[in-house]
PDB file of all heavy atoms in Angstrom:
ATOM      1  N   GLY A   1      -8.477  55.913 -22.650  1.00  0.00           N
ATOM      2  CA  GLY A   1      -9.048  57.197 -22.616  1.00  0.00           C
ATOM      3  C   GLY A   1      -8.124  58.149 -21.873  1.00  0.00           C
ATOM      4  O   GLY A   1      -7.322  57.732 -21.066  1.00  0.00           O
ATOM      5  N   VAL A   2      -8.246  59.423 -22.185  1.00  0.00           N
ATOM      6  CA  VAL A   2      -7.382  60.416 -21.533  1.00  0.00           C
ATOM      7  C   VAL A   2      -8.271  61.505 -20.915  1.00  0.00           C
ATOM      8  O   VAL A   2      -9.128  62.051 -21.595  1.00  0.00           O
ATOM      9  CB  VAL A   2      -6.426  61.073 -22.514  1.00  0.00           C
ATOM     10  CG1 VAL A   2      -5.569  62.088 -21.915  1.00  0.00           C
ATOM     11  CG2 VAL A   2      -5.605  59.947 -23.172  1.00  0.00           C
ATOM     12  N   PRO A   3      -8.050  61.807 -19.631  1.00  0.00           N
ATOM     13  CA  PRO A   3      -7.227  61.154 -18.671  1.00  0.00           C
ATOM     14  C   PRO A   3      -7.791  59.795 -18.280  1.00  0.00           C
ATOM     15  O   PRO A   3      -8.976  59.529 -18.596  1.00  0.00           O
ATOM     16  CB  PRO A   3      -7.171  62.058 -17.466  1.00  0.00           C
ATOM     17  CG  PRO A   3      -8.367  62.885 -17.565  1.00  0.00           C
ATOM     18  CD  PRO A   3      -8.721  62.969 -19.036  1.00  0.00           C
ATOM     19  N   ARG A   4      -7.010  58.933 -17.694  1.00  0.00           N
ATOM     20  CA  ARG A   4      -7.411  57.592 -17.385  1.00  0.00           C
ATOM     21  C   ARG A   4      -8.731  57.518 -16.580  1.00  0.00           C
ATOM     22  O   ARG A   4      -9.587  56.669 -16.849  1.00  0.00           O
ATOM     23  CB  ARG A   4      -6.278  56.870 -16.666  1.00  0.00           C
ATOM     24  CG  ARG A   4      -6.594  55.367 -16.411  1.00  0.00           C
ATOM     25  CD  ARG A   4      -5.438  54.735 -15.724  1.00  0.00           C
ATOM     26  NE  ARG A   4      -4.256  54.847 -16.614  1.00  0.00           N
ATOM     27  CZ  ARG A   4      -3.121  54.198 -16.484  1.00  0.00           C
ATOM     28  NH1 ARG A   4      -2.961  53.399 -15.434  1.00  0.00           N
ATOM     29  NH2 ARG A   4      -2.159  54.367 -17.248  1.00  0.00           N
ATOM     30  N   ASP A   5      -8.904  58.417 -15.622  1.00  0.00           N
ATOM     31  CA  ASP A   5     -10.117  58.432 -14.767  1.00  0.00           C
ATOM     32  C   ASP A   5     -11.370  58.735 -15.649  1.00  0.00           C
ATOM     33  O   ASP A   5     -12.384  58.133 -15.425  1.00  0.00           O
ATOM     34  CB  ASP A   5      -9.998  59.449 -13.670  1.00  0.00           C
ATOM     35  CG  ASP A   5      -9.026  59.012 -12.590  1.00  0.00           C
ATOM     36  OD1 ASP A   5      -8.715  57.841 -12.518  1.00  0.00           O
ATOM     37  OD2 ASP A   5      -8.583  59.922 -11.859  1.00  0.00           O
ATOM     38  N   TYR A   6     -11.171  59.563 -16.635  1.00  0.00           N
ATOM     39  CA  TYR A   6     -12.341  59.885 -17.542  1.00  0.00           C
ATOM     40  C   TYR A   6     -12.670  58.618 -18.372  1.00  0.00           C
ATOM     41  O   TYR A   6     -13.845  58.289 -18.537  1.00  0.00           O
ATOM     42  CB  TYR A   6     -11.980  61.031 -18.501  1.00  0.00           C
ATOM     43  CG  TYR A   6     -13.081  61.331 -19.449  1.00  0.00           C
ATOM     44  CD1 TYR A   6     -14.247  61.996 -18.980  1.00  0.00           C
ATOM     45  CD2 TYR A   6     -13.068  60.922 -20.747  1.00  0.00           C
ATOM     46  CE1 TYR A   6     -15.308  62.240 -19.862  1.00  0.00           C
ATOM     47  CE2 TYR A   6     -14.109  61.183 -21.626  1.00  0.00           C
ATOM     48  CZ  TYR A   6     -15.198  61.851 -21.128  1.00  0.00           C
ATOM     49  OH  TYR A   6     -16.212  62.056 -22.016  1.00  0.00           O
ATOM     50  N   GLY A   7     -11.639  57.870 -18.832  1.00  0.00           N
ATOM     51  CA  GLY A   7     -11.918  56.685 -19.530  1.00  0.00           C
ATOM     52  C   GLY A   7     -12.651  55.676 -18.719  1.00  0.00           C
ATOM     53  O   GLY A   7     -13.604  55.049 -19.246  1.00  0.00           O
ATOM     54  N   ARG A   8     -12.274  55.542 -17.486  1.00  0.00           N
ATOM     55  CA  ARG A   8     -13.000  54.647 -16.542  1.00  0.00           C
ATOM     56  C   ARG A   8     -14.439  55.087 -16.421  1.00  0.00           C
ATOM     57  O   ARG A   8     -15.394  54.240 -16.287  1.00  0.00           O
ATOM     58  CB  ARG A   8     -12.299  54.563 -15.245  1.00  0.00           C
ATOM     59  CG  ARG A   8     -11.058  53.729 -15.275  1.00  0.00           C
ATOM     60  CD  ARG A   8     -10.493  53.434 -13.887  1.00  0.00           C
ATOM     61  NE  ARG A   8      -9.146  53.092 -13.986  1.00  0.00           N
ATOM     62  CZ  ARG A   8      -8.138  53.799 -13.413  1.00  0.00           C
ATOM     63  NH1 ARG A   8      -8.306  54.902 -12.762  1.00  0.00           N
ATOM     64  NH2 ARG A   8      -6.867  53.379 -13.576  1.00  0.00           N
ATOM     65  N   ALA A   9     -14.674  56.366 -16.274  1.00  0.00           N
ATOM     66  CA  ALA A   9     -16.031  56.950 -16.085  1.00  0.00           C
ATOM     67  C   ALA A   9     -16.848  56.637 -17.258  1.00  0.00           C
ATOM     68  O   ALA A   9     -18.054  56.278 -17.150  1.00  0.00           O
ATOM     69  CB  ALA A   9     -15.950  58.418 -15.779  1.00  0.00           C
ATOM     70  N   VAL A  10     -16.299  56.790 -18.459  1.00  0.00           N
ATOM     71  CA  VAL A  10     -17.055  56.492 -19.717  1.00  0.00           C
ATOM     72  C   VAL A  10     -17.432  55.023 -19.749  1.00  0.00           C
ATOM     73  O   VAL A  10     -18.598  54.675 -20.048  1.00  0.00           O
ATOM     74  CB  VAL A  10     -16.217  56.908 -20.938  1.00  0.00           C
ATOM     75  CG1 VAL A  10     -16.932  56.315 -22.235  1.00  0.00           C
ATOM     76  CG2 VAL A  10     -16.090  58.375 -21.081  1.00  0.00           C
ATOM     77  N   MET A  11     -16.547  54.190 -19.355  1.00  0.00           N
ATOM     78  CA  MET A  11     -16.839  52.718 -19.323  1.00  0.00           C
ATOM     79  C   MET A  11     -17.962  52.445 -18.295  1.00  0.00           C
ATOM     80  O   MET A  11     -18.908  51.644 -18.689  1.00  0.00           O
ATOM     81  CB  MET A  11     -15.585  51.926 -18.904  1.00  0.00           C
ATOM     82  CG  MET A  11     -14.470  51.896 -19.958  1.00  0.00           C
ATOM     83  SD  MET A  11     -14.983  50.924 -21.380  1.00  0.00           S
ATOM     84  CE  MET A  11     -15.079  49.306 -20.733  1.00  0.00           C
ATOM     85  N   ASP A  12     -17.907  52.981 -17.123  1.00  0.00           N
ATOM     86  CA  ASP A  12     -18.824  52.714 -16.084  1.00  0.00           C
ATOM     87  C   ASP A  12     -20.177  53.386 -16.304  1.00  0.00           C
ATOM     88  O   ASP A  12     -21.198  52.808 -15.901  1.00  0.00           O
ATOM     89  CB  ASP A  12     -18.224  53.066 -14.731  1.00  0.00           C
ATOM     90  CG  ASP A  12     -17.018  52.297 -14.277  1.00  0.00           C
ATOM     91  OD1 ASP A  12     -16.863  51.166 -14.889  1.00  0.00           O
ATOM     92  OD2 ASP A  12     -16.273  52.744 -13.419  1.00  0.00           O
ATOM     93  N   ASN A  13     -20.169  54.572 -16.840  1.00  0.00           N
ATOM     94  CA  ASN A  13     -21.385  55.424 -16.805  1.00  0.00           C
ATOM     95  C   ASN A  13     -22.117  55.500 -18.163  1.00  0.00           C
ATOM     96  O   ASN A  13     -23.261  55.937 -18.306  1.00  0.00           O
ATOM     97  CB  ASN A  13     -21.161  56.767 -16.243  1.00  0.00           C
ATOM     98  CG  ASN A  13     -20.657  56.666 -14.849  1.00  0.00           C
ATOM     99  OD1 ASN A  13     -21.364  56.158 -13.987  1.00  0.00           O
ATOM    100  ND2 ASN A  13     -19.455  57.183 -14.624  1.00  0.00           N
ATOM    101  N   THR A  14     -21.399  55.178 -19.248  1.00  0.00           N
ATOM    102  CA  THR A  14     -22.011  55.272 -20.610  1.00  0.00           C
ATOM    103  C   THR A  14     -21.990  53.991 -21.321  1.00  0.00           C
ATOM    104  O   THR A  14     -23.044  53.385 -21.649  1.00  0.00           O
ATOM    105  CB  THR A  14     -21.231  56.321 -21.478  1.00  0.00           C
ATOM    106  OG1 THR A  14     -21.224  57.555 -20.777  1.00  0.00           O
ATOM    107  CG2 THR A  14     -21.806  56.468 -22.820  1.00  0.00           C
ATOM    108  N   LEU A  15     -20.825  53.348 -21.534  1.00  0.00           N
ATOM    109  CA  LEU A  15     -20.720  52.110 -22.243  1.00  0.00           C
ATOM    110  C   LEU A  15     -21.408  50.968 -21.561  1.00  0.00           C
ATOM    111  O   LEU A  15     -21.920  50.044 -22.227  1.00  0.00           O
ATOM    112  CB  LEU A  15     -19.291  51.813 -22.572  1.00  0.00           C
ATOM    113  CG  LEU A  15     -18.696  52.839 -23.538  1.00  0.00           C
ATOM    114  CD1 LEU A  15     -17.176  52.519 -23.765  1.00  0.00           C
ATOM    115  CD2 LEU A  15     -19.392  52.847 -24.902  1.00  0.00           C
ATOM    116  N   ALA A  16     -21.464  50.978 -20.241  1.00  0.00           N
ATOM    117  CA  ALA A  16     -22.056  49.912 -19.464  1.00  0.00           C
ATOM    118  C   ALA A  16     -23.552  49.826 -19.827  1.00  0.00           C
ATOM    119  O   ALA A  16     -24.159  48.753 -19.692  1.00  0.00           O
ATOM    120  CB  ALA A  16     -21.862  50.114 -17.945  1.00  0.00           C
ATOM    121  N   LEU A  17     -24.166  50.908 -20.242  1.00  0.00           N
ATOM    122  CA  LEU A  17     -25.594  50.966 -20.592  1.00  0.00           C
ATOM    123  C   LEU A  17     -25.873  50.326 -21.942  1.00  0.00           C
ATOM    124  O   LEU A  17     -27.038  49.874 -22.124  1.00  0.00           O
ATOM    125  CB  LEU A  17     -26.119  52.381 -20.480  1.00  0.00           C
ATOM    126  CG  LEU A  17     -25.905  53.024 -19.178  1.00  0.00           C
ATOM    127  CD1 LEU A  17     -26.368  54.558 -19.303  1.00  0.00           C
ATOM    128  CD2 LEU A  17     -26.731  52.357 -18.058  1.00  0.00           C
ATOM    129  N   VAL A  18     -24.926  50.322 -22.854  1.00  0.00           N
ATOM    130  CA  VAL A  18     -25.225  49.906 -24.225  1.00  0.00           C
ATOM    131  C   VAL A  18     -24.391  48.748 -24.749  1.00  0.00           C
ATOM    132  O   VAL A  18     -24.589  48.264 -25.843  1.00  0.00           O
ATOM    133  CB  VAL A  18     -25.209  51.062 -25.237  1.00  0.00           C
ATOM    134  CG1 VAL A  18     -26.232  52.115 -24.938  1.00  0.00           C
ATOM    135  CG2 VAL A  18     -23.797  51.718 -25.251  1.00  0.00           C
ATOM    136  N   THR A  19     -23.402  48.366 -23.963  1.00  0.00           N
ATOM    137  CA  THR A  19     -22.465  47.280 -24.426  1.00  0.00           C
ATOM    138  C   THR A  19     -22.244  46.187 -23.384  1.00  0.00           C
ATOM    139  O   THR A  19     -22.669  46.373 -22.232  1.00  0.00           O
ATOM    140  CB  THR A  19     -21.076  47.865 -24.770  1.00  0.00           C
ATOM    141  OG1 THR A  19     -20.411  48.308 -23.530  1.00  0.00           O
ATOM    142  CG2 THR A  19     -21.160  49.073 -25.733  1.00  0.00           C
ATOM    143  N   THR A  20     -21.686  45.109 -23.819  1.00  0.00           N
ATOM    144  CA  THR A  20     -21.108  44.133 -22.871  1.00  0.00           C
ATOM    145  C   THR A  20     -19.649  44.425 -22.728  1.00  0.00           C
ATOM    146  O   THR A  20     -18.966  44.648 -23.731  1.00  0.00           O
ATOM    147  CB  THR A  20     -21.305  42.704 -23.452  1.00  0.00           C
ATOM    148  OG1 THR A  20     -22.717  42.517 -23.669  1.00  0.00           O
ATOM    149  CG2 THR A  20     -20.767  41.624 -22.587  1.00  0.00           C
ATOM    150  N   ARG A  21     -19.168  44.421 -21.531  1.00  0.00           N
ATOM    151  CA  ARG A  21     -17.750  44.672 -21.291  1.00  0.00           C
ATOM    152  C   ARG A  21     -16.997  43.369 -20.993  1.00  0.00           C
ATOM    153  O   ARG A  21     -17.503  42.619 -20.141  1.00  0.00           O
ATOM    154  CB  ARG A  21     -17.583  45.688 -20.167  1.00  0.00           C
ATOM    155  CG  ARG A  21     -18.200  47.066 -20.500  1.00  0.00           C
ATOM    156  CD  ARG A  21     -18.119  48.043 -19.414  1.00  0.00           C
ATOM    157  NE  ARG A  21     -18.996  47.603 -18.290  1.00  0.00           N
ATOM    158  CZ  ARG A  21     -19.026  48.070 -17.039  1.00  0.00           C
ATOM    159  NH1 ARG A  21     -18.173  49.001 -16.758  1.00  0.00           N
ATOM    160  NH2 ARG A  21     -19.770  47.585 -16.143  1.00  0.00           N
ATOM    161  N   VAL A  22     -15.996  43.106 -21.662  1.00  0.00           N
ATOM    162  CA  VAL A  22     -15.290  41.873 -21.532  1.00  0.00           C
ATOM    163  C   VAL A  22     -13.768  42.133 -21.577  1.00  0.00           C
ATOM    164  O   VAL A  22     -13.305  43.196 -22.003  1.00  0.00           O
ATOM    165  CB  VAL A  22     -15.566  40.846 -22.709  1.00  0.00           C
ATOM    166  CG1 VAL A  22     -17.030  40.437 -22.661  1.00  0.00           C
ATOM    167  CG2 VAL A  22     -15.156  41.401 -24.010  1.00  0.00           C
ATOM    168  N   THR A  23     -12.977  41.230 -21.077  1.00  0.00           N
ATOM    169  CA  THR A  23     -11.515  41.320 -21.104  1.00  0.00           C
ATOM    170  C   THR A  23     -11.021  40.491 -22.333  1.00  0.00           C
ATOM    171  O   THR A  23     -11.809  39.748 -22.909  1.00  0.00           O
ATOM    172  CB  THR A  23     -10.800  40.779 -19.852  1.00  0.00           C
ATOM    173  OG1 THR A  23     -11.165  39.393 -19.742  1.00  0.00           O
ATOM    174  CG2 THR A  23     -11.294  41.467 -18.604  1.00  0.00           C
ATOM    175  N   VAL A  24      -9.818  40.690 -22.694  1.00  0.00           N
ATOM    176  CA  VAL A  24      -9.265  39.947 -23.789  1.00  0.00           C
ATOM    177  C   VAL A  24      -9.352  38.485 -23.483  1.00  0.00           C
ATOM    178  O   VAL A  24      -9.758  37.691 -24.342  1.00  0.00           O
ATOM    179  CB  VAL A  24      -7.781  40.307 -24.017  1.00  0.00           C
ATOM    180  CG1 VAL A  24      -7.070  39.396 -24.951  1.00  0.00           C
ATOM    181  CG2 VAL A  24      -7.645  41.766 -24.588  1.00  0.00           C
TER     182      VAL A  24
END
C-alpha cells in the first residue's frame, strides 16, 4: 500500500476485522 504506513493501517484496522492475516 502507498504510503507504507497507510497500508499497515489498512491491515491493522480494516482487514483484521474480516480476514485472516498470514505470511507466505
